[in-house]
Protein backbone atom coordinates (compact mmCIF):
# COMPACT_ATOMS: atom_id res chain seq x y z
CA UNK A 1 0.00 0.00 0.00
CA UNK A 2 1.30 3.43 -0.98
CA UNK A 3 -0.16 6.48 0.72
CA UNK A 4 0.40 9.96 -0.71
CA UNK A 5 -1.50 13.03 0.51
CA UNK A 6 -4.06 10.77 2.24
CA UNK A 7 -4.77 8.85 -0.99
CA UNK A 8 -4.09 5.12 -1.06
CA UNK A 9 -2.69 3.27 -4.05
CA UNK A 10 -1.72 -0.26 -4.92
CA UNK A 11 1.30 -0.77 -7.17
CA UNK A 12 -0.07 -3.16 -9.79
CA UNK A 13 2.82 -3.04 -12.25
CA UNK A 14 6.43 -1.94 -11.84
CA UNK A 15 8.06 -2.55 -15.21
CA UNK A 16 11.86 -2.46 -15.02
CA UNK A 17 11.67 -1.34 -11.37
CA UNK A 18 10.43 2.13 -12.37
CA UNK A 19 8.63 3.11 -9.16
CA UNK A 20 10.41 5.41 -6.74
CA UNK A 21 8.23 6.77 -3.92
CA UNK A 22 10.26 9.92 -3.37
CA UNK A 23 10.23 10.88 -7.05
CA UNK A 24 6.53 10.00 -7.40
CA UNK A 25 5.62 12.06 -4.32
CA UNK A 26 7.46 15.09 -5.69
CA UNK A 27 5.41 14.98 -8.94
CA UNK A 28 2.05 14.06 -7.38
CA UNK A 29 -0.52 16.88 -7.15
CA UNK A 30 -4.22 17.25 -6.43
CA UNK A 31 -4.80 16.95 -10.19
CA UNK A 32 -4.55 13.16 -9.80
CA UNK A 33 -6.99 12.77 -6.88
CA UNK A 34 -9.96 11.69 -9.05
CA UNK A 35 -8.19 9.26 -11.35
CA UNK A 36 -8.60 5.52 -10.81
CA UNK A 37 -5.06 4.85 -12.06
CA UNK A 38 -1.82 6.79 -12.33
CA UNK A 39 0.78 5.69 -14.85
CA UNK A 40 4.33 6.92 -14.52
CA UNK A 41 6.81 6.53 -17.36
CA UNK A 42 10.49 7.37 -17.36
CA UNK A 43 12.45 8.57 -20.37
CA UNK A 44 15.72 10.45 -20.36
CA UNK A 45 15.74 10.17 -16.54
CA UNK A 46 12.49 12.18 -16.29
CA UNK A 47 9.29 10.90 -14.69
CA UNK A 48 5.98 11.77 -16.34
CA UNK A 49 2.61 11.02 -14.76
CA UNK A 50 -0.73 10.48 -16.50
CA UNK A 51 -4.12 9.73 -14.99
CA UNK A 52 -6.47 7.06 -16.30
CA UNK A 53 -10.02 5.99 -15.43
CA UNK A 54 -11.70 2.59 -15.26
CA UNK A 55 -13.72 1.95 -18.41
CA UNK A 56 -16.98 2.19 -16.46
CA UNK A 57 -16.16 5.57 -14.83
CA UNK A 58 -18.55 8.32 -15.96
CA UNK A 59 -15.57 10.64 -16.64
CA UNK A 60 -13.77 8.25 -18.98
CA UNK A 61 -12.77 9.27 -22.50
CA UNK A 62 -10.83 7.17 -24.98
CA UNK A 63 -7.64 9.10 -24.23
CA UNK A 64 -7.77 8.32 -20.51
CA UNK A 65 -9.42 4.87 -20.51
CA UNK A 66 -7.14 2.32 -18.82
CA UNK A 67 -8.09 -0.30 -21.44
CA UNK A 68 -6.10 1.78 -23.97
CA UNK A 69 -2.96 1.88 -21.83
CA UNK A 70 -0.97 -0.24 -24.29
CA UNK A 71 -1.74 2.31 -27.01
CA UNK A 72 -0.53 5.15 -24.76
CA UNK A 73 2.69 3.32 -23.92
CA UNK A 74 3.33 2.48 -27.57
CA UNK A 75 2.53 5.90 -29.08
CA UNK A 76 3.36 8.45 -26.38
CA UNK A 77 6.22 6.95 -24.40
CA UNK A 78 9.81 6.10 -25.26
CA UNK A 79 10.26 2.61 -26.70
CA UNK A 80 10.45 -0.03 -23.94
CA UNK A 81 10.66 2.64 -21.24
CA UNK A 82 10.42 1.98 -17.54
CA UNK A 83 6.90 2.50 -16.21
CA UNK A 84 4.61 1.77 -13.31
CA UNK A 85 0.87 1.59 -12.75
CA UNK A 86 -0.79 2.59 -9.50
CA UNK A 87 -4.45 1.80 -8.81
CA UNK A 88 -6.31 3.98 -6.34
CA UNK A 89 -7.69 2.01 -3.40
CA UNK A 90 -11.15 3.20 -2.41
CA UNK A 91 -12.27 2.74 1.17
PDB file of N, CA and C in Angstrom:
ATOM      1  N   UNK A   1       0.848  -1.175   0.000  1.00  0.00           N
ATOM      2  CA  UNK A   1       0.000   0.000   0.000  1.00  0.00           C
ATOM      3  C   UNK A   1       0.898   1.244   0.000  1.00  0.00           C
ATOM      4  N   UNK A   2       0.570   2.161  -0.882  1.00  0.00           N
ATOM      5  CA  UNK A   2       1.297   3.428  -0.984  1.00  0.00           C
ATOM      6  C   UNK A   2       0.319   4.530  -0.622  1.00  0.00           C
ATOM      7  N   UNK A   3       0.701   5.382   0.303  1.00  0.00           N
ATOM      8  CA  UNK A   3      -0.164   6.483   0.723  1.00  0.00           C
ATOM      9  C   UNK A   3       0.548   7.798   0.431  1.00  0.00           C
ATOM     10  N   UNK A   4      -0.125   8.645  -0.358  1.00  0.00           N
ATOM     11  CA  UNK A   4       0.404   9.957  -0.709  1.00  0.00           C
ATOM     12  C   UNK A   4      -0.724  10.963  -0.548  1.00  0.00           C
ATOM     13  N   UNK A   5      -0.493  11.987   0.260  1.00  0.00           N
ATOM     14  CA  UNK A   5      -1.495  13.028   0.512  1.00  0.00           C
ATOM     15  C   UNK A   5      -2.858  12.428   0.871  1.00  0.00           C
ATOM     16  N   UNK A   6      -2.857  11.446   1.744  1.00  0.00           N
ATOM     17  CA  UNK A   6      -4.057  10.769   2.236  1.00  0.00           C
ATOM     18  C   UNK A   6      -4.804   9.982   1.169  1.00  0.00           C
ATOM     19  N   UNK A   7      -4.195   9.700   0.045  1.00  0.00           N
ATOM     20  CA  UNK A   7      -4.771   8.852  -0.991  1.00  0.00           C
ATOM     21  C   UNK A   7      -3.976   7.546  -1.030  1.00  0.00           C
ATOM     22  N   UNK A   8      -4.715   6.440  -1.101  1.00  0.00           N
ATOM     23  CA  UNK A   8      -4.089   5.123  -1.059  1.00  0.00           C
ATOM     24  C   UNK A   8      -4.029   4.526  -2.459  1.00  0.00           C
ATOM     25  N   UNK A   9      -2.898   3.901  -2.753  1.00  0.00           N
ATOM     26  CA  UNK A   9      -2.686   3.274  -4.048  1.00  0.00           C
ATOM     27  C   UNK A   9      -2.055   1.904  -3.872  1.00  0.00           C
ATOM     28  N   UNK A  10      -2.344   1.048  -4.836  1.00  0.00           N
ATOM     29  CA  UNK A  10      -1.716  -0.263  -4.922  1.00  0.00           C
ATOM     30  C   UNK A  10      -0.841  -0.255  -6.172  1.00  0.00           C
ATOM     31  N   UNK A  11       0.392  -0.670  -6.025  1.00  0.00           N
ATOM     32  CA  UNK A  11       1.300  -0.765  -7.165  1.00  0.00           C
ATOM     33  C   UNK A  11       0.972  -2.062  -7.901  1.00  0.00           C
ATOM     34  N   UNK A  12       0.352  -1.950  -9.075  1.00  0.00           N
ATOM     35  CA  UNK A  12      -0.071  -3.157  -9.786  1.00  0.00           C
ATOM     36  C   UNK A  12       0.902  -3.575 -10.887  1.00  0.00           C
ATOM     37  N   UNK A  13       1.772  -2.677 -11.301  1.00  0.00           N
ATOM     38  CA  UNK A  13       2.825  -3.043 -12.254  1.00  0.00           C
ATOM     39  C   UNK A  13       4.010  -2.118 -12.028  1.00  0.00           C
ATOM     40  N   UNK A  14       5.198  -2.696 -12.051  1.00  0.00           N
ATOM     41  CA  UNK A  14       6.431  -1.940 -11.842  1.00  0.00           C
ATOM     42  C   UNK A  14       7.462  -2.424 -12.857  1.00  0.00           C
ATOM     43  N   UNK A  15       7.230  -2.071 -14.113  1.00  0.00           N
ATOM     44  CA  UNK A  15       8.057  -2.549 -15.215  1.00  0.00           C
ATOM     45  C   UNK A  15       9.456  -1.955 -15.134  1.00  0.00           C
ATOM     46  N   UNK A  16      10.448  -2.821 -15.122  1.00  0.00           N
ATOM     47  CA  UNK A  16      11.860  -2.456 -15.020  1.00  0.00           C
ATOM     48  C   UNK A  16      12.165  -1.662 -13.751  1.00  0.00           C
ATOM     49  N   UNK A  17      11.433  -1.968 -12.674  1.00  0.00           N
ATOM     50  CA  UNK A  17      11.669  -1.345 -11.370  1.00  0.00           C
ATOM     51  C   UNK A  17      11.597   0.187 -11.441  1.00  0.00           C
ATOM     52  N   UNK A  18      10.567   0.697 -12.107  1.00  0.00           N
ATOM     53  CA  UNK A  18      10.434   2.132 -12.366  1.00  0.00           C
ATOM     54  C   UNK A  18       9.989   2.947 -11.157  1.00  0.00           C
ATOM     55  N   UNK A  19       9.231   2.326 -10.240  1.00  0.00           N
ATOM     56  CA  UNK A  19       8.625   3.113  -9.161  1.00  0.00           C
ATOM     57  C   UNK A  19       9.629   3.533  -8.105  1.00  0.00           C
ATOM     58  N   UNK A  20       9.605   4.828  -7.802  1.00  0.00           N
ATOM     59  CA  UNK A  20      10.412   5.408  -6.736  1.00  0.00           C
ATOM     60  C   UNK A  20       9.483   6.334  -5.958  1.00  0.00           C
ATOM     61  N   UNK A  21       9.207   6.018  -4.706  1.00  0.00           N
ATOM     62  CA  UNK A  21       8.232   6.767  -3.916  1.00  0.00           C
ATOM     63  C   UNK A  21       8.597   8.238  -3.789  1.00  0.00           C
ATOM     64  N   UNK A  22       9.836   8.532  -3.541  1.00  0.00           N
ATOM     65  CA  UNK A  22      10.256   9.924  -3.367  1.00  0.00           C
ATOM     66  C   UNK A  22      10.027  10.730  -4.651  1.00  0.00           C
ATOM     67  N   UNK A  23      10.409  10.173  -5.774  1.00  0.00           N
ATOM     68  CA  UNK A  23      10.229  10.877  -7.049  1.00  0.00           C
ATOM     69  C   UNK A  23       8.742  11.021  -7.382  1.00  0.00           C
ATOM     70  N   UNK A  24       7.973   9.943  -7.161  1.00  0.00           N
ATOM     71  CA  UNK A  24       6.533  10.001  -7.401  1.00  0.00           C
ATOM     72  C   UNK A  24       5.883  11.077  -6.531  1.00  0.00           C
ATOM     73  N   UNK A  25       6.207  11.087  -5.252  1.00  0.00           N
ATOM     74  CA  UNK A  25       5.615  12.059  -4.324  1.00  0.00           C
ATOM     75  C   UNK A  25       5.921  13.491  -4.722  1.00  0.00           C
ATOM     76  N   UNK A  26       7.094  13.728  -5.289  1.00  0.00           N
ATOM     77  CA  UNK A  26       7.458  15.085  -5.688  1.00  0.00           C
ATOM     78  C   UNK A  26       6.675  15.559  -6.915  1.00  0.00           C
ATOM     79  N   UNK A  27       6.181  14.636  -7.734  1.00  0.00           N
ATOM     80  CA  UNK A  27       5.408  14.983  -8.937  1.00  0.00           C
ATOM     81  C   UNK A  27       3.900  14.940  -8.698  1.00  0.00           C
ATOM     82  N   UNK A  28       3.473  14.263  -7.655  1.00  0.00           N
ATOM     83  CA  UNK A  28       2.051  14.056  -7.379  1.00  0.00           C
ATOM     84  C   UNK A  28       1.397  15.360  -6.928  1.00  0.00           C
ATOM     85  N   UNK A  29       0.248  15.680  -7.528  1.00  0.00           N
ATOM     86  CA  UNK A  29      -0.518  16.876  -7.145  1.00  0.00           C
ATOM     87  C   UNK A  29      -1.990  16.521  -7.004  1.00  0.00           C
ATOM     88  N   UNK A  30      -2.788  17.471  -6.571  1.00  0.00           N
ATOM     89  CA  UNK A  30      -4.223  17.250  -6.430  1.00  0.00           C
ATOM     90  C   UNK A  30      -4.911  16.967  -7.766  1.00  0.00           C
ATOM     91  N   UNK A  31      -4.263  17.262  -8.864  1.00  0.00           N
ATOM     92  CA  UNK A  31      -4.799  16.951 -10.194  1.00  0.00           C
ATOM     93  C   UNK A  31      -5.136  15.456 -10.324  1.00  0.00           C
ATOM     94  N   UNK A  32      -4.392  14.605  -9.658  1.00  0.00           N
ATOM     95  CA  UNK A  32      -4.545  13.160  -9.796  1.00  0.00           C
ATOM     96  C   UNK A  32      -5.539  12.540  -8.816  1.00  0.00           C
ATOM     97  N   UNK A  33      -6.119  13.313  -7.916  1.00  0.00           N
ATOM     98  CA  UNK A  33      -6.995  12.766  -6.882  1.00  0.00           C
ATOM     99  C   UNK A  33      -8.154  11.934  -7.448  1.00  0.00           C
ATOM    100  N   UNK A  34      -8.758  12.350  -8.539  1.00  0.00           N
ATOM    101  CA  UNK A  34      -9.958  11.693  -9.050  1.00  0.00           C
ATOM    102  C   UNK A  34      -9.698  10.504  -9.962  1.00  0.00           C
ATOM    103  N   UNK A  35      -8.479  10.345 -10.423  1.00  0.00           N
ATOM    104  CA  UNK A  35      -8.190   9.261 -11.355  1.00  0.00           C
ATOM    105  C   UNK A  35      -8.153   7.908 -10.643  1.00  0.00           C
ATOM    106  N   UNK A  36      -8.625   6.886 -11.339  1.00  0.00           N
ATOM    107  CA  UNK A  36      -8.604   5.522 -10.807  1.00  0.00           C
ATOM    108  C   UNK A  36      -7.207   4.915 -10.874  1.00  0.00           C
ATOM    109  N   UNK A  37      -6.421   5.348 -11.857  1.00  0.00           N
ATOM    110  CA  UNK A  37      -5.055   4.850 -12.061  1.00  0.00           C
ATOM    111  C   UNK A  37      -4.117   6.016 -12.337  1.00  0.00           C
ATOM    112  N   UNK A  38      -2.879   5.855 -11.939  1.00  0.00           N
ATOM    113  CA  UNK A  38      -1.822   6.790 -12.326  1.00  0.00           C
ATOM    114  C   UNK A  38      -0.716   5.956 -12.951  1.00  0.00           C
ATOM    115  N   UNK A  39      -0.315   6.372 -14.145  1.00  0.00           N
ATOM    116  CA  UNK A  39       0.777   5.694 -14.845  1.00  0.00           C
ATOM    117  C   UNK A  39       1.961   6.648 -14.872  1.00  0.00           C
ATOM    118  N   UNK A  40       3.104   6.143 -14.468  1.00  0.00           N
ATOM    119  CA  UNK A  40       4.333   6.919 -14.517  1.00  0.00           C
ATOM    120  C   UNK A  40       5.296   6.273 -15.491  1.00  0.00           C
ATOM    121  N   UNK A  41       5.810   7.069 -16.439  1.00  0.00           N
ATOM    122  CA  UNK A  41       6.808   6.526 -17.362  1.00  0.00           C
ATOM    123  C   UNK A  41       8.074   7.361 -17.262  1.00  0.00           C
ATOM    124  N   UNK A  42       9.191   6.708 -17.501  1.00  0.00           N
ATOM    125  CA  UNK A  42      10.487   7.367 -17.362  1.00  0.00           C
ATOM    126  C   UNK A  42      11.227   7.294 -18.685  1.00  0.00           C
ATOM    127  N   UNK A  43      11.617   8.468 -19.169  1.00  0.00           N
ATOM    128  CA  UNK A  43      12.447   8.565 -20.370  1.00  0.00           C
ATOM    129  C   UNK A  43      13.441   9.687 -20.140  1.00  0.00           C
ATOM    130  N   UNK A  44      14.661   9.457 -20.537  1.00  0.00           N
ATOM    131  CA  UNK A  44      15.724  10.450 -20.365  1.00  0.00           C
ATOM    132  C   UNK A  44      15.826  10.905 -18.906  1.00  0.00           C
ATOM    133  N   UNK A  45      15.655   9.951 -17.992  1.00  0.00           N
ATOM    134  CA  UNK A  45      15.744  10.168 -16.544  1.00  0.00           C
ATOM    135  C   UNK A  45      14.685  11.120 -16.002  1.00  0.00           C
ATOM    136  N   UNK A  46      13.590  11.307 -16.724  1.00  0.00           N
ATOM    137  CA  UNK A  46      12.493  12.177 -16.288  1.00  0.00           C
ATOM    138  C   UNK A  46      11.230  11.349 -16.094  1.00  0.00           C
ATOM    139  N   UNK A  47      10.547  11.571 -14.975  1.00  0.00           N
ATOM    140  CA  UNK A  47       9.288  10.905 -14.691  1.00  0.00           C
ATOM    141  C   UNK A  47       8.130  11.762 -15.184  1.00  0.00           C
ATOM    142  N   UNK A  48       7.221  11.122 -15.934  1.00  0.00           N
ATOM    143  CA  UNK A  48       5.979  11.770 -16.342  1.00  0.00           C
ATOM    144  C   UNK A  48       4.830  10.970 -15.743  1.00  0.00           C
ATOM    145  N   UNK A  49       3.788  11.669 -15.311  1.00  0.00           N
ATOM    146  CA  UNK A  49       2.609  11.016 -14.759  1.00  0.00           C
ATOM    147  C   UNK A  49       1.398  11.309 -15.637  1.00  0.00           C
ATOM    148  N   UNK A  50       0.519  10.316 -15.768  1.00  0.00           N
ATOM    149  CA  UNK A  50      -0.735  10.484 -16.499  1.00  0.00           C
ATOM    150  C   UNK A  50      -1.818   9.731 -15.754  1.00  0.00           C
ATOM    151  N   UNK A  51      -2.982  10.357 -15.649  1.00  0.00           N
ATOM    152  CA  UNK A  51      -4.120   9.735 -14.992  1.00  0.00           C
ATOM    153  C   UNK A  51      -4.994   8.978 -15.971  1.00  0.00           C
ATOM    154  N   UNK A  52      -5.544   7.868 -15.504  1.00  0.00           N
ATOM    155  CA  UNK A  52      -6.465   7.060 -16.297  1.00  0.00           C
ATOM    156  C   UNK A  52      -7.668   6.695 -15.429  1.00  0.00           C
ATOM    157  N   UNK A  53      -8.793   6.424 -16.100  1.00  0.00           N
ATOM    158  CA  UNK A  53     -10.015   5.988 -15.428  1.00  0.00           C
ATOM    159  C   UNK A  53     -10.332   4.540 -15.796  1.00  0.00           C
ATOM    160  N   UNK A  54     -11.095   3.873 -14.915  1.00  0.00           N
ATOM    161  CA  UNK A  54     -11.702   2.591 -15.265  1.00  0.00           C
ATOM    162  C   UNK A  54     -12.646   2.828 -16.434  1.00  0.00           C
ATOM    163  N   UNK A  55     -12.842   1.829 -17.241  1.00  0.00           N
ATOM    164  CA  UNK A  55     -13.716   1.947 -18.412  1.00  0.00           C
ATOM    165  C   UNK A  55     -15.156   2.291 -18.042  1.00  0.00           C
ATOM    166  N   UNK A  56     -15.597   1.917 -16.858  1.00  0.00           N
ATOM    167  CA  UNK A  56     -16.975   2.191 -16.457  1.00  0.00           C
ATOM    168  C   UNK A  56     -17.141   3.501 -15.684  1.00  0.00           C
ATOM    169  N   UNK A  57     -16.085   4.281 -15.518  1.00  0.00           N
ATOM    170  CA  UNK A  57     -16.161   5.569 -14.830  1.00  0.00           C
ATOM    171  C   UNK A  57     -16.879   6.568 -15.725  1.00  0.00           C
ATOM    172  N   UNK A  58     -17.774   7.371 -15.156  1.00  0.00           N
ATOM    173  CA  UNK A  58     -18.552   8.322 -15.959  1.00  0.00           C
ATOM    174  C   UNK A  58     -17.680   9.413 -16.590  1.00  0.00           C
ATOM    175  N   UNK A  59     -16.471   9.608 -16.108  1.00  0.00           N
ATOM    176  CA  UNK A  59     -15.573  10.636 -16.643  1.00  0.00           C
ATOM    177  C   UNK A  59     -14.656  10.138 -17.761  1.00  0.00           C
ATOM    178  N   UNK A  60     -14.719   8.855 -18.050  1.00  0.00           N
ATOM    179  CA  UNK A  60     -13.771   8.251 -18.982  1.00  0.00           C
ATOM    180  C   UNK A  60     -13.960   8.755 -20.414  1.00  0.00           C
ATOM    181  N   UNK A  61     -12.848   8.981 -21.068  1.00  0.00           N
ATOM    182  CA  UNK A  61     -12.773   9.269 -22.498  1.00  0.00           C
ATOM    183  C   UNK A  61     -11.785   8.269 -23.083  1.00  0.00           C
ATOM    184  N   UNK A  62     -11.761   8.138 -24.389  1.00  0.00           N
ATOM    185  CA  UNK A  62     -10.834   7.174 -24.983  1.00  0.00           C
ATOM    186  C   UNK A  62      -9.384   7.478 -24.606  1.00  0.00           C
ATOM    187  N   UNK A  63      -9.035   8.750 -24.507  1.00  0.00           N
ATOM    188  CA  UNK A  63      -7.639   9.103 -24.232  1.00  0.00           C
ATOM    189  C   UNK A  63      -7.207   8.826 -22.802  1.00  0.00           C
ATOM    190  N   UNK A  64      -8.157   8.622 -21.885  1.00  0.00           N
ATOM    191  CA  UNK A  64      -7.769   8.317 -20.508  1.00  0.00           C
ATOM    192  C   UNK A  64      -8.444   7.054 -19.969  1.00  0.00           C
ATOM    193  N   UNK A  65      -8.819   6.152 -20.874  1.00  0.00           N
ATOM    194  CA  UNK A  65      -9.415   4.868 -20.511  1.00  0.00           C
ATOM    195  C   UNK A  65      -8.278   3.857 -20.307  1.00  0.00           C
ATOM    196  N   UNK A  66      -8.237   3.241 -19.145  1.00  0.00           N
ATOM    197  CA  UNK A  66      -7.144   2.317 -18.821  1.00  0.00           C
ATOM    198  C   UNK A  66      -7.056   1.159 -19.818  1.00  0.00           C
ATOM    199  N   UNK A  67      -8.156   0.816 -20.480  1.00  0.00           N
ATOM    200  CA  UNK A  67      -8.087  -0.295 -21.439  1.00  0.00           C
ATOM    201  C   UNK A  67      -7.251   0.062 -22.673  1.00  0.00           C
ATOM    202  N   UNK A  68      -6.952   1.348 -22.864  1.00  0.00           N
ATOM    203  CA  UNK A  68      -6.102   1.780 -23.969  1.00  0.00           C
ATOM    204  C   UNK A  68      -4.674   2.106 -23.508  1.00  0.00           C
ATOM    205  N   UNK A  69      -4.303   1.604 -22.360  1.00  0.00           N
ATOM    206  CA  UNK A  69      -2.964   1.878 -21.825  1.00  0.00           C
ATOM    207  C   UNK A  69      -1.862   1.426 -22.775  1.00  0.00           C
ATOM    208  N   UNK A  70      -2.006   0.254 -23.365  1.00  0.00           N
ATOM    209  CA  UNK A  70      -0.972  -0.236 -24.293  1.00  0.00           C
ATOM    210  C   UNK A  70      -0.762   0.741 -25.447  1.00  0.00           C
ATOM    211  N   UNK A  71      -1.834   1.317 -25.946  1.00  0.00           N
ATOM    212  CA  UNK A  71      -1.743   2.311 -27.014  1.00  0.00           C
ATOM    213  C   UNK A  71      -0.969   3.545 -26.540  1.00  0.00           C
ATOM    214  N   UNK A  72      -1.249   3.998 -25.326  1.00  0.00           N
ATOM    215  CA  UNK A  72      -0.534   5.145 -24.762  1.00  0.00           C
ATOM    216  C   UNK A  72       0.960   4.842 -24.641  1.00  0.00           C
ATOM    217  N   UNK A  73       1.289   3.686 -24.098  1.00  0.00           N
ATOM    218  CA  UNK A  73       2.695   3.322 -23.920  1.00  0.00           C
ATOM    219  C   UNK A  73       3.414   3.207 -25.267  1.00  0.00           C
ATOM    220  N   UNK A  74       2.733   2.668 -26.248  1.00  0.00           N
ATOM    221  CA  UNK A  74       3.330   2.478 -27.571  1.00  0.00           C
ATOM    222  C   UNK A  74       3.518   3.796 -28.323  1.00  0.00           C
ATOM    223  N   UNK A  75       2.534   4.695 -28.245  1.00  0.00           N
ATOM    224  CA  UNK A  75       2.534   5.898 -29.078  1.00  0.00           C
ATOM    225  C   UNK A  75       3.021   7.179 -28.401  1.00  0.00           C
ATOM    226  N   UNK A  76       3.027   7.205 -27.073  1.00  0.00           N
ATOM    227  CA  UNK A  76       3.355   8.452 -26.380  1.00  0.00           C
ATOM    228  C   UNK A  76       4.533   8.335 -25.420  1.00  0.00           C
ATOM    229  N   UNK A  77       5.090   7.161 -25.307  1.00  0.00           N
ATOM    230  CA  UNK A  77       6.215   6.949 -24.397  1.00  0.00           C
ATOM    231  C   UNK A  77       7.422   6.442 -25.193  1.00  0.00           C
ATOM    232  N   UNK A  78       8.592   6.605 -24.619  1.00  0.00           N
ATOM    233  CA  UNK A  78       9.811   6.103 -25.257  1.00  0.00           C
ATOM    234  C   UNK A  78       9.736   4.578 -25.380  1.00  0.00           C
ATOM    235  N   UNK A  79      10.295   4.045 -26.438  1.00  0.00           N
ATOM    236  CA  UNK A  79      10.264   2.608 -26.702  1.00  0.00           C
ATOM    237  C   UNK A  79      10.836   1.820 -25.514  1.00  0.00           C
ATOM    238  N   UNK A  80      10.054   0.870 -25.026  1.00  0.00           N
ATOM    239  CA  UNK A  80      10.450  -0.030 -23.944  1.00  0.00           C
ATOM    240  C   UNK A  80      10.918   0.712 -22.676  1.00  0.00           C
ATOM    241  N   UNK A  81      10.277   1.838 -22.416  1.00  0.00           N
ATOM    242  CA  UNK A  81      10.663   2.639 -21.243  1.00  0.00           C
ATOM    243  C   UNK A  81      10.239   1.963 -19.944  1.00  0.00           C
ATOM    244  N   UNK A  82      10.847   2.393 -18.873  1.00  0.00           N
ATOM    245  CA  UNK A  82      10.424   1.976 -17.545  1.00  0.00           C
ATOM    246  C   UNK A  82       9.074   2.631 -17.272  1.00  0.00           C
ATOM    247  N   UNK A  83       8.178   1.895 -16.602  1.00  0.00           N
ATOM    248  CA  UNK A  83       6.904   2.504 -16.214  1.00  0.00           C
ATOM    249  C   UNK A  83       6.304   1.740 -15.036  1.00  0.00           C
ATOM    250  N   UNK A  84       5.344   2.406 -14.401  1.00  0.00           N
ATOM    251  CA  UNK A  84       4.611   1.767 -13.311  1.00  0.00           C
ATOM    252  C   UNK A  84       3.148   2.150 -13.409  1.00  0.00           C
ATOM    253  N   UNK A  85       2.305   1.331 -12.794  1.00  0.00           N
ATOM    254  CA  UNK A  85       0.870   1.590 -12.746  1.00  0.00           C
ATOM    255  C   UNK A  85       0.428   1.505 -11.295  1.00  0.00           C
ATOM    256  N   UNK A  86      -0.204   2.566 -10.830  1.00  0.00           N
ATOM    257  CA  UNK A  86      -0.786   2.594  -9.497  1.00  0.00           C
ATOM    258  C   UNK A  86      -2.310   2.609  -9.634  1.00  0.00           C
ATOM    259  N   UNK A  87      -2.988   1.813  -8.837  1.00  0.00           N
ATOM    260  CA  UNK A  87      -4.449   1.796  -8.811  1.00  0.00           C
ATOM    261  C   UNK A  87      -4.901   2.393  -7.489  1.00  0.00           C
ATOM    262  N   UNK A  88      -5.806   3.363  -7.565  1.00  0.00           N
ATOM    263  CA  UNK A  88      -6.308   3.980  -6.341  1.00  0.00           C
ATOM    264  C   UNK A  88      -7.168   2.975  -5.563  1.00  0.00           C
ATOM    265  N   UNK A  89      -6.925   2.898  -4.270  1.00  0.00           N
ATOM    266  CA  UNK A  89      -7.686   2.015  -3.397  1.00  0.00           C
ATOM    267  C   UNK A  89      -8.770   2.849  -2.734  1.00  0.00           C
ATOM    268  N   UNK A  90     -10.010   2.484  -3.000  1.00  0.00           N
ATOM    269  CA  UNK A  90     -11.154   3.204  -2.414  1.00  0.00           C
ATOM    270  C   UNK A  90     -11.537   2.515  -1.114  1.00  0.00           C
ATOM    271  N   UNK A  91     -11.844   3.313  -0.121  1.00  0.00           N
ATOM    272  CA  UNK A  91     -12.274   2.742   1.170  1.00  0.00           C
ATOM    273  C   UNK A  91     -13.698   2.285   1.124  1.00  0.00           C
TER     274      UNK A  91
END
